[in-house]
Amino acid sequence: MRSFNSDISESQVLAIAATAEQRLTHPVAEAIVRHAESQQVSVLTREKWDYQLGLGVEAIIDGKKVYVGSERFLRQQEIDMTAVDELLDKPASAIYVASDGQLQGIIEYNDVLRSESKEVITALMTVEGVEVHMLTGDNKRTATAVATQLGISPAHTHAEAFPEQKADVVRQLHETGKTVAFVGDGINDSPALAYADVSVSFANGSDIARETADLVLMQNDLHGLLEAIEIARKAQQLIRQNTSIIAIPNLAALVVATLFGLNPLAATVVNNGSTVVAGINGLRPILTGSRK
């Protein structure tokens, strides 16, 4: 954390940021608020505020207009970013704080990968027909480093992807004939979740992500994604089996009835019997699971 104004301490920079970010469900916002609490930094009075998806938040704090967000966001607000441009060790990931039209400070942070991320992604890459892409709002340097760590191809790494760009990537992949599943838990992920063929979020994700998602993993663990894929494939296999169980006997009975005639009782047995067998087959996963 750094202050670019000699009249404002680093603690005051943190206080401004935490005040602007309070009650936002973005992971970085929540982390800033938790850090302020751990440092026993007092939150100021926030009046009006407006969160801009994928960029940052504009707020009125103690009568002053404050901007807290990405470098792109502050540049859009015509904040002088000369101090940032002159940094020799510019951070890969940071939140910038400005008030009264001036840059006041910077809060650096590191995105920590989930402990299971590499294992799950490696497993996904072994699944037939699955292609893994990474979409992130981080800059190219950070995105490339994370992708390399996870074993994701540079061609499948999409950096500086703001919400609308994430949705565009999902749409483009879909237009090439791919079935696209998107996993995300933040507000910024909601457009891409809406465009995906299958959207996946987590129980502790943002409200809008959970409401948009087709599938919500109740545990905060990416292993649930592998389990969901396995369950879906088994369900698809059961559907095909049951289709065959019902269709083949009934088609055979239809041919016999057409060529030679068929007793109504026999036709009933074939029709209802195949339906009963398919129903029992459909219960097989439940019966198998109860024995484990």
Protein backbone atom coordinates (compact mmCIF):
# COMPACT_ATOMS: atom_id res chain seq x y z
CA MET A 1 0.00 0.00 0.00
CA ARG A 2 1.31 3.45 -0.88
CA SER A 3 0.20 7.03 -0.50
CA PHE A 4 0.94 9.57 -3.25
CA ASN A 5 -0.11 12.51 -1.08
CA SER A 6 2.09 13.60 1.82
CA ASP A 7 -0.99 14.90 3.62
CA ILE A 8 -2.71 11.50 3.57
CA SER A 9 -1.30 8.46 5.35
CA GLU A 10 -1.49 4.88 4.10
CA SER A 11 -4.11 4.18 6.79
CA GLN A 12 -6.25 7.01 5.44
CA VAL A 13 -5.93 5.60 1.90
CA LEU A 14 -7.12 2.25 3.25
CA ALA A 15 -9.97 3.94 5.15
CA ILE A 16 -11.20 5.69 1.98
CA ALA A 17 -11.01 2.49 -0.05
CA ALA A 18 -12.75 0.37 2.61
CA THR A 19 -15.51 2.95 2.99
CA ALA A 20 -16.16 3.04 -0.75
CA GLU A 21 -16.01 -0.75 -1.10
CA GLN A 22 -18.15 -1.69 1.92
CA ARG A 23 -21.07 -4.08 1.28
CA LEU A 24 -19.86 -4.84 -2.27
CA THR A 25 -19.65 -8.57 -3.02
CA HIS A 26 -16.58 -8.40 -5.27
CA PRO A 27 -13.75 -10.54 -3.77
CA VAL A 28 -11.21 -7.68 -3.88
CA ALA A 29 -13.69 -5.28 -2.26
CA GLU A 30 -14.37 -7.79 0.51
CA ALA A 31 -10.62 -8.32 1.00
CA ILE A 32 -10.01 -4.56 1.38
CA VAL A 33 -12.79 -4.25 3.96
CA ARG A 34 -11.46 -7.26 5.92
CA HIS A 35 -7.92 -5.82 5.84
CA ALA A 36 -9.18 -2.48 7.14
CA GLU A 37 -10.94 -4.28 9.99
CA SER A 38 -7.80 -6.28 10.82
CA GLN A 39 -5.79 -3.03 10.92
CA GLN A 40 -8.50 -1.45 13.09
CA VAL A 41 -8.97 1.32 10.54
CA SER A 42 -12.20 3.22 11.12
CA VAL A 43 -14.65 3.29 8.23
CA LEU A 44 -15.78 6.78 7.21
CA THR A 45 -19.26 7.96 6.24
CA ARG A 46 -20.32 6.98 2.74
CA GLU A 47 -23.20 8.83 1.17
CA LYS A 48 -24.18 8.17 -2.46
CA TRP A 49 -22.30 5.49 -4.36
CA ASP A 50 -22.33 3.86 -7.78
CA TYR A 51 -20.58 0.62 -8.68
CA GLN A 52 -19.50 0.32 -12.32
CA LEU A 53 -19.23 -3.31 -13.37
CA GLY A 54 -15.66 -4.44 -13.94
CA LEU A 55 -14.19 -1.01 -13.19
CA GLY A 56 -14.73 0.31 -9.68
CA VAL A 57 -16.92 2.40 -7.44
CA GLU A 58 -17.69 6.11 -7.31
CA ALA A 59 -18.81 7.41 -3.92
CA ILE A 60 -19.34 10.53 -1.88
CA ILE A 61 -17.37 10.21 1.35
CA ASP A 62 -17.46 13.02 3.90
CA GLY A 63 -18.70 15.31 1.15
CA LYS A 64 -15.87 14.46 -1.27
CA LYS A 65 -16.17 12.55 -4.54
CA VAL A 66 -14.04 9.42 -4.38
CA TYR A 67 -13.05 6.90 -7.04
CA VAL A 68 -11.77 3.47 -6.06
CA GLY A 69 -11.02 0.91 -8.75
CA SER A 70 -8.82 -0.09 -11.64
CA GLU A 71 -6.29 2.09 -13.41
CA ARG A 72 -8.57 2.11 -16.44
CA PHE A 73 -11.47 3.37 -14.31
CA LEU A 74 -9.51 6.30 -12.88
CA ARG A 75 -8.16 7.27 -16.29
CA GLN A 76 -11.74 7.33 -17.57
CA GLN A 77 -12.53 9.80 -14.79
CA GLU A 78 -9.62 11.95 -16.04
CA ILE A 79 -7.57 11.47 -12.87
CA ASP A 80 -3.89 12.39 -13.31
CA MET A 81 -2.03 9.04 -13.19
CA THR A 82 1.48 10.45 -13.68
CA ALA A 83 2.63 9.06 -10.32
CA VAL A 84 1.64 5.57 -11.45
CA ASP A 85 3.33 5.93 -14.84
CA GLU A 86 6.57 6.86 -13.08
CA LEU A 87 6.60 3.78 -10.85
CA LEU A 88 9.56 1.51 -11.62
CA ASP A 89 7.96 -1.43 -9.81
CA LYS A 90 4.38 -1.07 -11.03
CA PRO A 91 2.29 -3.81 -9.35
CA ALA A 92 0.60 -6.47 -11.42
CA SER A 93 -2.66 -6.19 -9.48
CA ALA A 94 -3.76 -3.05 -7.68
CA ILE A 95 -6.69 -0.89 -6.68
CA TYR A 96 -6.26 2.87 -7.09
CA VAL A 97 -7.78 5.49 -4.79
CA ALA A 98 -8.57 9.08 -5.82
CA SER A 99 -10.46 11.94 -4.18
CA ASP A 100 -10.91 15.60 -4.99
CA GLY A 101 -9.82 14.79 -8.54
CA GLN A 102 -6.36 13.64 -7.44
CA LEU A 103 -4.71 10.26 -7.08
CA GLN A 104 -4.24 9.62 -3.38
CA GLY A 105 -2.87 6.12 -3.16
CA ILE A 106 -2.63 2.56 -4.35
CA ILE A 107 -3.47 -0.76 -2.71
CA GLU A 108 -1.55 -3.71 -4.12
CA TYR A 109 -2.85 -7.27 -3.86
CA ASN A 110 -2.09 -10.76 -5.07
CA ASP A 111 -4.67 -13.18 -6.40
CA VAL A 112 -4.21 -16.46 -4.58
CA LEU A 113 -5.14 -19.53 -6.58
CA ARG A 114 -7.52 -22.02 -5.04
CA SER A 115 -5.53 -24.95 -3.68
CA GLU A 116 -7.44 -27.37 -5.91
CA SER A 117 -7.28 -25.28 -9.12
CA LYS A 118 -4.29 -26.95 -10.79
CA GLU A 119 -5.50 -30.46 -9.98
CA VAL A 120 -9.02 -29.78 -11.28
CA ILE A 121 -7.85 -28.06 -14.47
CA THR A 122 -5.37 -30.86 -15.18
CA ALA A 123 -8.21 -33.35 -14.74
CA LEU A 124 -10.50 -31.33 -17.02
CA MET A 125 -7.89 -31.36 -19.76
CA THR A 126 -7.94 -35.15 -19.74
CA VAL A 127 -11.71 -35.25 -20.28
CA GLU A 128 -12.51 -35.99 -23.90
CA GLY A 129 -13.72 -32.93 -25.82
CA VAL A 130 -13.00 -30.42 -23.03
CA GLU A 131 -11.00 -27.27 -23.84
CA VAL A 132 -10.05 -24.99 -20.92
CA HIS A 133 -9.95 -21.20 -21.29
CA MET A 134 -9.13 -18.60 -18.65
CA LEU A 135 -10.91 -15.23 -18.67
CA THR A 136 -9.63 -12.59 -16.26
CA GLY A 137 -9.73 -8.85 -15.77
CA ASP A 138 -6.07 -8.87 -14.74
CA ASN A 139 -3.38 -7.51 -17.03
CA LYS A 140 -1.52 -9.74 -19.48
CA ARG A 141 1.53 -10.18 -17.27
CA THR A 142 -0.49 -11.52 -14.35
CA ALA A 143 -2.78 -13.58 -16.58
CA THR A 144 0.17 -15.21 -18.38
CA ALA A 145 1.88 -16.09 -15.10
CA VAL A 146 -1.28 -17.68 -13.68
CA ALA A 147 -2.05 -19.52 -16.93
CA THR A 148 1.48 -20.95 -17.03
CA GLN A 149 1.12 -22.11 -13.43
CA LEU A 150 -2.18 -23.83 -14.28
CA GLY A 151 -0.99 -25.30 -17.59
CA ILE A 152 -3.44 -23.30 -19.71
CA SER A 153 -2.36 -22.48 -23.26
CA PRO A 154 -1.54 -18.79 -23.99
CA ALA A 155 -3.95 -19.04 -26.94
CA HIS A 156 -6.72 -19.83 -24.45
CA THR A 157 -5.81 -17.06 -22.00
CA HIS A 158 -7.93 -13.91 -22.23
CA ALA A 159 -6.46 -11.05 -20.17
CA GLU A 160 -7.94 -7.65 -19.35
CA ALA A 161 -11.35 -9.18 -20.04
CA PHE A 162 -13.97 -6.92 -18.54
CA PRO A 163 -17.56 -8.20 -18.20
CA GLU A 164 -18.55 -7.36 -21.76
CA GLN A 165 -15.35 -8.94 -23.16
CA LYS A 166 -15.96 -12.12 -21.15
CA ALA A 167 -19.44 -12.35 -22.65
CA ASP A 168 -17.98 -11.76 -26.14
CA VAL A 169 -15.47 -14.60 -25.72
CA VAL A 170 -18.22 -16.97 -24.57
CA ARG A 171 -20.39 -15.94 -27.53
CA GLN A 172 -17.54 -16.36 -30.02
CA LEU A 173 -16.73 -19.85 -28.72
CA HIS A 174 -20.40 -20.77 -28.98
CA GLU A 175 -20.58 -19.51 -32.56
CA THR A 176 -17.72 -21.85 -33.55
CA GLY A 177 -19.99 -24.76 -32.62
CA LYS A 178 -18.67 -25.40 -29.11
CA THR A 179 -20.87 -26.03 -26.08
CA VAL A 180 -19.59 -23.50 -23.55
CA ALA A 181 -19.63 -23.95 -19.78
CA PHE A 182 -18.58 -20.89 -17.78
CA VAL A 183 -17.58 -20.96 -14.12
CA GLY A 184 -17.71 -17.71 -12.15
CA ASP A 185 -18.82 -16.37 -8.79
CA GLY A 186 -18.59 -12.59 -9.03
CA ILE A 187 -20.75 -9.72 -10.23
CA ASN A 188 -18.33 -9.20 -13.13
CA ASP A 189 -18.99 -12.76 -14.31
CA SER A 190 -22.77 -12.38 -14.63
CA PRO A 191 -22.86 -11.38 -18.36
CA ALA A 192 -20.70 -14.36 -19.34
CA LEU A 193 -22.78 -16.66 -17.12
CA ALA A 194 -25.89 -15.48 -18.94
CA TYR A 195 -24.42 -16.18 -22.41
CA ALA A 196 -22.94 -19.60 -21.60
CA ASP A 197 -24.71 -22.81 -22.59
CA VAL A 198 -24.08 -24.06 -19.05
CA SER A 199 -23.26 -21.58 -16.28
CA VAL A 200 -21.77 -22.66 -12.95
CA SER A 201 -21.38 -20.68 -9.74
CA PHE A 202 -20.83 -21.34 -6.03
CA ALA A 203 -23.07 -21.13 -2.99
CA ASN A 204 -20.86 -18.38 -1.53
CA GLY A 205 -20.72 -16.44 -4.82
CA SER A 206 -22.47 -13.12 -5.40
CA ASP A 207 -26.27 -13.11 -5.42
CA ILE A 208 -26.47 -12.20 -9.11
CA ALA A 209 -23.99 -14.96 -10.06
CA ARG A 210 -26.02 -17.58 -8.19
CA GLU A 211 -29.29 -16.39 -9.70
CA THR A 212 -27.84 -16.37 -13.23
CA ALA A 213 -26.13 -19.76 -12.99
CA ASP A 214 -27.75 -22.97 -14.21
CA LEU A 215 -25.79 -24.95 -11.63
CA VAL A 216 -24.71 -23.86 -8.15
CA LEU A 217 -22.03 -25.91 -6.39
CA MET A 218 -22.99 -25.98 -2.73
CA GLN A 219 -19.40 -26.42 -1.56
CA ASN A 220 -16.73 -23.84 -2.27
CA ASP A 221 -14.58 -26.39 -4.07
CA LEU A 222 -13.84 -26.79 -7.78
CA HIS A 223 -13.86 -30.57 -7.37
CA GLY A 224 -17.62 -30.21 -7.47
CA LEU A 225 -17.28 -29.29 -11.14
CA LEU A 226 -15.69 -32.65 -11.93
CA GLU A 227 -18.42 -34.40 -9.98
CA ALA A 228 -21.10 -32.44 -11.86
CA ILE A 229 -19.59 -33.43 -15.22
CA GLU A 230 -19.47 -37.08 -14.15
CA ILE A 231 -23.09 -37.00 -12.96
CA ALA A 232 -24.20 -35.33 -16.21
CA ARG A 233 -22.41 -37.93 -18.35
CA LYS A 234 -23.92 -40.79 -16.35
CA ALA A 235 -27.37 -39.19 -16.70
CA GLN A 236 -26.86 -38.87 -20.45
CA GLN A 237 -25.80 -42.54 -20.60
CA LEU A 238 -28.93 -43.56 -18.67
CA ILE A 239 -31.15 -41.59 -21.04
CA ARG A 240 -29.64 -43.39 -24.03
CA GLN A 241 -30.00 -46.76 -22.31
CA ASN A 242 -33.63 -46.13 -21.40
CA THR A 243 -34.40 -44.94 -24.91
CA SER A 244 -33.06 -48.22 -26.25
CA ILE A 245 -34.86 -50.27 -23.57
CA ILE A 246 -38.20 -48.74 -24.57
CA ALA A 247 -37.71 -48.23 -28.31
CA ILE A 248 -36.23 -51.60 -29.36
CA PRO A 249 -38.92 -53.92 -27.86
CA ASN A 250 -41.75 -51.64 -29.00
CA LEU A 251 -40.38 -51.37 -32.55
CA ALA A 252 -39.92 -55.13 -32.65
CA ALA A 253 -43.49 -55.64 -31.43
CA LEU A 254 -44.73 -53.19 -34.04
CA VAL A 255 -43.00 -55.15 -36.82
CA VAL A 256 -44.43 -58.47 -35.52
CA ALA A 257 -47.90 -56.96 -35.23
CA THR A 258 -47.70 -55.62 -38.78
CA LEU A 259 -46.46 -58.84 -40.35
CA PHE A 260 -48.10 -61.55 -38.27
CA GLY A 261 -50.45 -59.86 -35.84
CA LEU A 262 -49.95 -59.58 -32.07
CA ASN A 263 -52.17 -60.44 -29.17
CA PRO A 264 -53.28 -57.25 -27.33
CA LEU A 265 -52.17 -58.74 -24.02
CA ALA A 266 -48.69 -59.42 -25.41
CA ALA A 267 -48.51 -55.87 -26.79
CA THR A 268 -49.45 -54.50 -23.35
CA VAL A 269 -46.78 -56.62 -21.67
CA VAL A 270 -44.12 -55.42 -24.12
CA ASN A 271 -45.10 -51.75 -23.77
CA ASN A 272 -45.58 -51.62 -20.00
CA GLY A 273 -42.78 -54.07 -19.32
CA SER A 274 -40.19 -52.01 -21.18
CA THR A 275 -41.37 -48.89 -19.33
CA VAL A 276 -40.98 -50.61 -15.95
CA VAL A 277 -37.49 -51.87 -16.84
CA ALA A 278 -36.47 -48.34 -17.95
CA GLY A 279 -37.82 -46.90 -14.72
CA ILE A 280 -35.84 -49.37 -12.61
CA ASN A 281 -32.73 -48.67 -14.70
CA GLY A 282 -33.21 -44.96 -14.06
CA LEU A 283 -33.10 -45.63 -10.30
CA ARG A 284 -29.81 -47.51 -10.58
CA PRO A 285 -27.54 -44.57 -9.60
CA ILE A 286 -29.60 -44.02 -6.43
CA LEU A 287 -29.61 -47.70 -5.54
CA THR A 288 -25.88 -48.00 -6.25
CA GLY A 289 -25.11 -44.87 -4.20
CA SER A 290 -27.10 -46.11 -1.20
CA ARG A 291 -24.91 -49.23 -1.00
CA LYS A 292 -21.68 -47.21 -0.78
